[in-house]
Amino acid sequence: MNSSAEILSKPANRPPQKTNGGYLFLPRSLSRGAFLKWLRRTHAWFGLWGATLGLLFGFTGILMNHRDILKIPIGRMEPKEIQMALPEPKPADPKALAAWLGQTLNVDTSHARARKEPGKTVTWNNQPVQQPASWQINLRNPQHLLSAEYWEATPSSRSNKAMPTCCKP
């Protein structure tokens, strides 16, 4: 007959204990078919779009880095430096100077940045010198790059103008 020692020495034939869900880190309520189907589809779409963006960035990077070897034409700027005499009467402020430059050079200067720096005392060759006030006008757009400066003590204005060679009028 079976003594209590024999019963305790034999392990019971119990089935293994079940976990909360069928998949790692997913509770049993989320391991249903509908959620897993949605999860697989979402993962696939993110993967496809990620691969597409990766290929796009790779392709454009190769084009940009090898444009000389592949002989891809690019627009070049043609710089010009012009020194012009100001009209009489002289423009009263930097905005008026920008408008005059726009008419003279056939450039739309409505969005130009104009800045005025007051005159100041500077040291040059160990001597204090009075520097006159200056005006700077800057304009950047796809067709033109214009940089002009005017010193109030001089009767002329100096401007640097650059135009892309592909967009010459």
Protein backbone atom coordinates (compact mmCIF):
# COMPACT_ATOMS: atom_id res chain seq x y z
CA MET A 1 0.00 0.00 0.00
CA ASN A 2 0.94 3.47 -0.42
CA SER A 3 2.53 5.11 2.48
CA SER A 4 2.68 8.84 2.90
CA ALA A 5 6.40 8.83 2.09
CA GLU A 6 5.75 7.30 -1.32
CA ILE A 7 3.07 9.84 -2.15
CA LEU A 8 5.31 12.79 -1.27
CA SER A 9 8.30 11.47 -3.20
CA LYS A 10 6.44 11.21 -6.53
CA PRO A 11 5.71 14.47 -8.32
CA ALA A 12 2.15 15.10 -9.35
CA ASN A 13 1.30 15.06 -13.06
CA ARG A 14 0.23 18.65 -13.26
CA PRO A 15 0.10 20.65 -16.53
CA PRO A 16 2.60 23.56 -16.80
CA GLN A 17 1.41 26.86 -15.46
CA LYS A 18 0.00 29.27 -18.09
CA THR A 19 1.33 32.82 -18.52
CA ASN A 20 -0.78 35.96 -18.87
CA GLY A 21 -0.50 36.18 -22.64
CA GLY A 22 0.72 34.28 -25.62
CA TYR A 23 3.21 36.96 -26.67
CA LEU A 24 5.96 38.56 -24.66
CA PHE A 25 4.90 41.82 -22.93
CA LEU A 26 1.31 41.59 -24.26
CA PRO A 27 -1.54 40.98 -21.86
CA ARG A 28 -3.98 38.24 -22.75
CA SER A 29 -6.67 40.78 -23.77
CA LEU A 30 -4.38 42.24 -26.47
CA SER A 31 -3.21 38.92 -27.86
CA ARG A 32 -6.44 38.49 -29.77
CA GLY A 33 -6.45 38.22 -33.54
CA ALA A 34 -7.79 41.70 -34.38
CA PHE A 35 -5.14 43.58 -32.41
CA LEU A 36 -2.28 41.45 -33.72
CA LYS A 37 -3.52 41.91 -37.29
CA TRP A 38 -3.60 45.70 -36.78
CA LEU A 39 -0.13 45.61 -35.19
CA ARG A 40 1.36 43.65 -38.11
CA ARG A 41 -0.19 45.98 -40.69
CA THR A 42 1.01 49.10 -38.84
CA HIS A 43 4.51 47.67 -38.54
CA ALA A 44 4.54 46.84 -42.24
CA TRP A 45 3.43 50.34 -43.31
CA PHE A 46 5.96 52.05 -41.05
CA GLY A 47 8.65 49.78 -42.42
CA LEU A 48 7.70 50.49 -46.05
CA TRP A 49 7.65 54.26 -45.54
CA GLY A 50 10.89 54.15 -43.57
CA ALA A 51 12.60 52.17 -46.33
CA THR A 52 11.26 54.58 -48.97
CA LEU A 53 12.60 57.61 -47.08
CA GLY A 54 15.93 55.86 -46.54
CA LEU A 55 16.27 55.18 -50.28
CA LEU A 56 15.24 58.75 -51.12
CA PHE A 57 17.83 60.27 -48.74
CA GLY A 58 20.49 57.90 -50.02
CA PHE A 59 19.77 58.68 -53.68
CA THR A 60 19.72 62.46 -53.21
CA GLY A 61 22.88 62.27 -51.09
CA ILE A 62 24.71 60.44 -53.87
CA LEU A 63 23.52 63.01 -56.41
CA MET A 64 24.65 65.92 -54.25
CA ASN A 65 28.04 64.45 -53.40
CA HIS A 66 28.87 63.30 -56.95
CA ARG A 67 27.46 66.11 -59.09
CA ASP A 68 30.91 66.90 -60.55
CA ILE A 69 31.55 63.30 -61.58
CA LEU A 70 28.01 62.84 -62.94
CA LYS A 71 28.22 66.24 -64.71
CA ILE A 72 24.97 67.56 -63.25
CA PRO A 73 24.60 71.28 -64.12
CA ILE A 74 24.02 73.65 -61.23
CA GLY A 75 23.34 77.36 -61.17
CA ARG A 76 26.35 79.58 -60.49
CA MET A 77 26.29 83.14 -59.19
CA GLU A 78 27.89 85.85 -61.31
CA PRO A 79 29.22 88.49 -58.89
CA LYS A 80 29.48 92.14 -59.93
CA GLU A 81 30.80 95.06 -57.91
CA ILE A 82 29.36 98.42 -58.85
CA GLN A 83 30.15 101.88 -57.47
CA MET A 84 27.47 104.43 -58.33
CA ALA A 85 27.07 108.15 -57.73
CA LEU A 86 24.02 109.03 -55.66
CA PRO A 87 21.30 111.20 -57.19
CA GLU A 88 20.63 114.75 -56.07
CA PRO A 89 19.04 115.17 -53.56
CA LYS A 90 20.63 112.31 -51.69
CA PRO A 91 18.32 109.68 -50.15
CA ALA A 92 17.23 110.68 -46.64
CA ASP A 93 17.32 107.23 -45.05
CA PRO A 94 18.33 103.63 -45.83
CA LYS A 95 14.82 102.70 -47.06
CA ALA A 96 14.92 105.52 -49.62
CA LEU A 97 18.38 104.36 -50.73
CA ALA A 98 17.04 100.81 -51.12
CA ALA A 99 14.14 102.09 -53.26
CA TRP A 100 16.55 104.07 -55.45
CA LEU A 101 18.83 101.04 -55.86
CA GLY A 102 15.82 98.91 -56.80
CA GLN A 103 14.82 101.35 -59.55
CA THR A 104 18.38 101.73 -60.82
CA LEU A 105 19.26 98.01 -60.85
CA ASN A 106 15.77 96.70 -61.79
CA VAL A 107 15.47 94.70 -58.57
CA ASP A 108 12.45 94.43 -56.26
CA THR A 109 13.75 95.82 -52.96
CA SER A 110 10.46 95.78 -51.05
CA HIS A 111 11.79 93.00 -48.79
CA ALA A 112 15.33 94.37 -48.44
CA ARG A 113 16.87 94.70 -44.99
CA ALA A 114 18.14 98.19 -44.33
CA ARG A 115 20.33 99.03 -41.34
CA LYS A 116 21.85 102.30 -40.18
CA GLU A 117 24.90 102.44 -37.90
CA PRO A 118 25.61 105.78 -36.22
CA GLY A 119 28.99 107.44 -36.45
CA LYS A 120 31.51 106.62 -33.75
CA THR A 121 35.05 107.31 -32.66
CA VAL A 122 37.51 104.56 -33.55
CA THR A 123 41.23 104.19 -32.95
CA TRP A 124 43.35 103.96 -36.07
CA ASN A 125 47.14 104.02 -35.93
CA ASN A 126 46.93 105.01 -32.25
CA GLN A 127 44.93 108.12 -33.20
CA PRO A 128 41.21 108.67 -32.45
CA VAL A 129 39.31 109.09 -35.72
CA GLN A 130 35.63 109.94 -36.20
CA GLN A 131 34.00 107.29 -38.37
CA PRO A 132 30.92 108.55 -40.24
CA ALA A 133 27.52 106.87 -40.06
CA SER A 134 26.96 104.02 -42.50
CA TRP A 135 23.94 102.37 -44.12
CA GLN A 136 23.78 98.72 -45.17
CA ILE A 137 21.13 97.25 -47.46
CA ASN A 138 20.87 93.50 -47.99
CA LEU A 139 18.51 91.64 -50.30
CA ARG A 140 18.43 87.90 -50.88
CA ASN A 141 16.03 86.04 -53.14
CA PRO A 142 16.42 83.21 -55.68
CA GLN A 143 17.16 85.63 -58.52
CA HIS A 144 19.41 88.21 -56.83
CA LEU A 145 21.81 88.69 -53.98
CA LEU A 146 22.34 92.40 -53.38
CA SER A 147 24.53 93.96 -50.72
CA ALA A 148 25.00 97.74 -50.68
CA GLU A 149 26.69 100.11 -48.27
CA TYR A 150 26.81 103.89 -48.03
CA TRP A 151 29.03 106.05 -45.82
CA GLU A 152 27.45 109.44 -45.17
CA ALA A 153 30.67 111.35 -45.82
CA THR A 154 31.08 109.98 -49.39
CA PRO A 155 29.12 111.05 -52.48
CA SER A 156 28.77 107.49 -53.83
CA SER A 157 27.34 104.12 -52.92
CA ARG A 158 29.07 100.78 -53.42
CA SER A 159 27.02 97.67 -54.07
CA ASN A 160 27.79 94.04 -54.71
CA LYS A 161 25.26 92.26 -56.87
CA ALA A 162 25.23 88.59 -57.72
CA MET A 163 22.86 86.87 -60.14
CA PRO A 164 22.56 83.20 -60.99
CA THR A 165 23.81 82.51 -64.53
CA CYS A 166 20.79 80.38 -65.25
CA CYS A 167 18.42 83.27 -64.56
CA LYS A 168 19.98 86.18 -66.48
CA PRO A 169 17.40 88.57 -67.98
